[in-house]
Protein backbone atom coordinates (compact mmCIF):
# COMPACT_ATOMS: atom_id res chain seq x y z
CA UNK A 1 336.11 -32.69 -56.02
CA UNK A 2 333.63 -31.63 -58.71
CA UNK A 3 335.30 -34.01 -61.22
CA UNK A 4 334.74 -36.88 -58.79
CA UNK A 5 331.12 -35.77 -58.39
CA UNK A 6 330.67 -35.81 -62.19
CA UNK A 7 331.99 -39.38 -62.38
CA UNK A 8 329.64 -40.49 -59.60
CA UNK A 9 326.71 -38.72 -61.26
CA UNK A 10 327.50 -40.41 -64.58
CA UNK A 11 327.49 -43.77 -62.81
CA UNK A 12 324.04 -42.97 -61.36
CA UNK A 13 322.88 -41.69 -64.75
CA UNK A 14 323.88 -45.00 -66.32
CA UNK A 15 321.94 -46.81 -63.58
CA UNK A 16 318.97 -44.56 -64.22
CA UNK A 17 318.99 -45.36 -67.94
CA UNK A 18 319.21 -49.06 -67.15
CA UNK A 19 316.48 -48.78 -64.53
CA UNK A 20 314.13 -47.17 -67.05
CA UNK A 21 314.65 -50.14 -69.33
CA UNK A 22 314.06 -52.55 -66.43
CA UNK A 23 311.00 -50.66 -65.10
CA UNK A 24 312.88 -49.68 -61.98
CA UNK A 25 313.61 -46.23 -60.65
CA UNK A 26 315.81 -43.97 -58.59
CA UNK A 27 314.01 -41.88 -55.97
CA UNK A 28 315.21 -38.62 -54.43
CA UNK A 29 315.42 -39.15 -50.65
CA UNK A 30 316.61 -35.86 -49.16
CA UNK A 31 314.00 -35.83 -46.36
CA UNK A 32 315.06 -39.29 -45.25
CA UNK A 33 318.74 -38.28 -45.38
CA UNK A 34 318.15 -35.17 -43.25
CA UNK A 35 316.22 -37.27 -40.71
CA UNK A 36 319.13 -39.73 -40.64
CA UNK A 37 321.61 -36.88 -40.02
CA UNK A 38 319.43 -35.55 -37.17
CA UNK A 39 319.34 -39.00 -35.52
CA UNK A 40 323.12 -39.31 -35.84
CA UNK A 41 323.67 -35.89 -34.30
CA UNK A 42 321.48 -36.80 -31.29
CA UNK A 43 323.87 -39.69 -30.51
CA UNK A 44 326.83 -37.31 -30.20
CA UNK A 45 327.72 -35.47 -26.97
CA UNK A 46 325.86 -32.13 -26.77
CA UNK A 47 329.06 -30.09 -27.11
CA UNK A 48 329.91 -31.85 -30.40
CA UNK A 49 326.48 -31.73 -32.05
CA UNK A 50 326.01 -29.84 -35.30
CA UNK A 51 322.73 -28.27 -36.25
CA UNK A 52 321.12 -30.21 -39.10
CA UNK A 53 319.56 -27.81 -41.59
CA UNK A 54 315.83 -27.80 -42.21
CA UNK A 55 314.46 -28.11 -45.73
CA UNK A 56 313.71 -24.38 -45.68
CA UNK A 57 317.28 -23.48 -44.63
CA UNK A 58 318.78 -25.83 -47.19
CA UNK A 59 316.58 -24.55 -50.01
CA UNK A 60 317.49 -20.93 -49.15
CA UNK A 61 321.20 -21.82 -49.11
CA UNK A 62 321.06 -23.38 -52.59
CA UNK A 63 318.69 -20.81 -54.09
CA UNK A 64 315.75 -23.18 -54.52
CA UNK A 65 312.16 -22.45 -53.55
CA UNK A 66 311.30 -24.36 -50.33
CA UNK A 67 308.08 -25.82 -51.74
CA UNK A 68 309.87 -27.02 -54.88
CA UNK A 69 312.54 -28.80 -52.86
CA UNK A 70 309.92 -30.34 -50.59
CA UNK A 71 307.90 -31.50 -53.61
CA UNK A 72 311.02 -33.03 -55.15
CA UNK A 73 311.75 -34.91 -51.96
CA UNK A 74 308.22 -36.07 -51.16
CA UNK A 75 307.35 -37.09 -54.72
CA UNK A 76 310.71 -38.76 -55.38
CA UNK A 77 310.76 -37.10 -58.79
CA UNK A 78 313.69 -36.39 -61.08
CA UNK A 79 316.51 -34.30 -59.68
CA UNK A 80 318.79 -32.18 -61.86
CA UNK A 81 322.51 -32.79 -61.50
CA UNK A 82 323.06 -29.12 -60.67
CA UNK A 83 320.53 -29.15 -57.82
CA UNK A 84 321.94 -32.42 -56.49
CA UNK A 85 325.45 -30.99 -56.56
CA UNK A 86 324.33 -27.83 -54.73
CA UNK A 87 322.63 -29.89 -52.00
CA UNK A 88 325.68 -32.12 -51.53
CA UNK A 89 328.10 -29.18 -51.47
CA UNK A 90 325.93 -27.26 -48.97
CA UNK A 91 325.63 -30.24 -46.61
CA UNK A 92 329.38 -30.84 -46.85
CA UNK A 93 330.02 -27.14 -46.17
CA UNK A 94 328.00 -27.56 -42.97
CA UNK A 95 330.17 -30.53 -41.95
CA UNK A 96 327.94 -33.42 -43.05
CA UNK A 97 329.73 -35.85 -45.37
CA UNK A 98 327.16 -36.50 -48.09
CA UNK A 99 327.41 -38.56 -51.27
CA UNK A 100 325.12 -38.92 -54.28
CA UNK A 101 323.90 -42.25 -52.92
CA UNK A 102 322.66 -40.51 -49.77
CA UNK A 103 320.13 -38.58 -51.84
CA UNK A 104 318.99 -41.34 -54.17
CA UNK A 105 317.45 -44.75 -53.60
CA UNK A 106 317.23 -47.42 -56.28
CA UNK A 107 314.13 -49.62 -56.48
CA UNK A 108 313.90 -52.73 -58.63
CA UNK A 109 310.65 -54.06 -60.07
CA UNK A 110 309.88 -56.44 -57.16
CA UNK A 111 310.58 -53.71 -54.59
CA UNK A 112 308.35 -51.25 -56.46
CA UNK A 113 305.48 -53.73 -56.36
CA UNK A 114 305.94 -54.18 -52.57
CA UNK A 115 305.85 -50.41 -52.03
CA UNK A 116 302.67 -50.03 -54.08
CA UNK A 117 300.70 -52.67 -52.15
């Protein structure tokens, strides 16, 4: 499982290097992913719903300061592989299938310009 994660992370790392050259970027989107999980859980029957963790609960579970995790997510700044792995493993442990692509969003030059205006 961790070997597969390393391969996926290397693929994203290669994209990141390429995106730097192309003036594009990968953004950390944990807040958006947690909101998506909450919406999905609301569509399930009440008896089958799982509690989606808050940022504070998730940060405590992975040993990260809540403000630091919130800043990472709101600023879309660089995410260490170790922190990303901890977040994915914790969400999976809670029953939420999560992949690297759920936490990162890739923007190309044209998309970045649209977001800035």
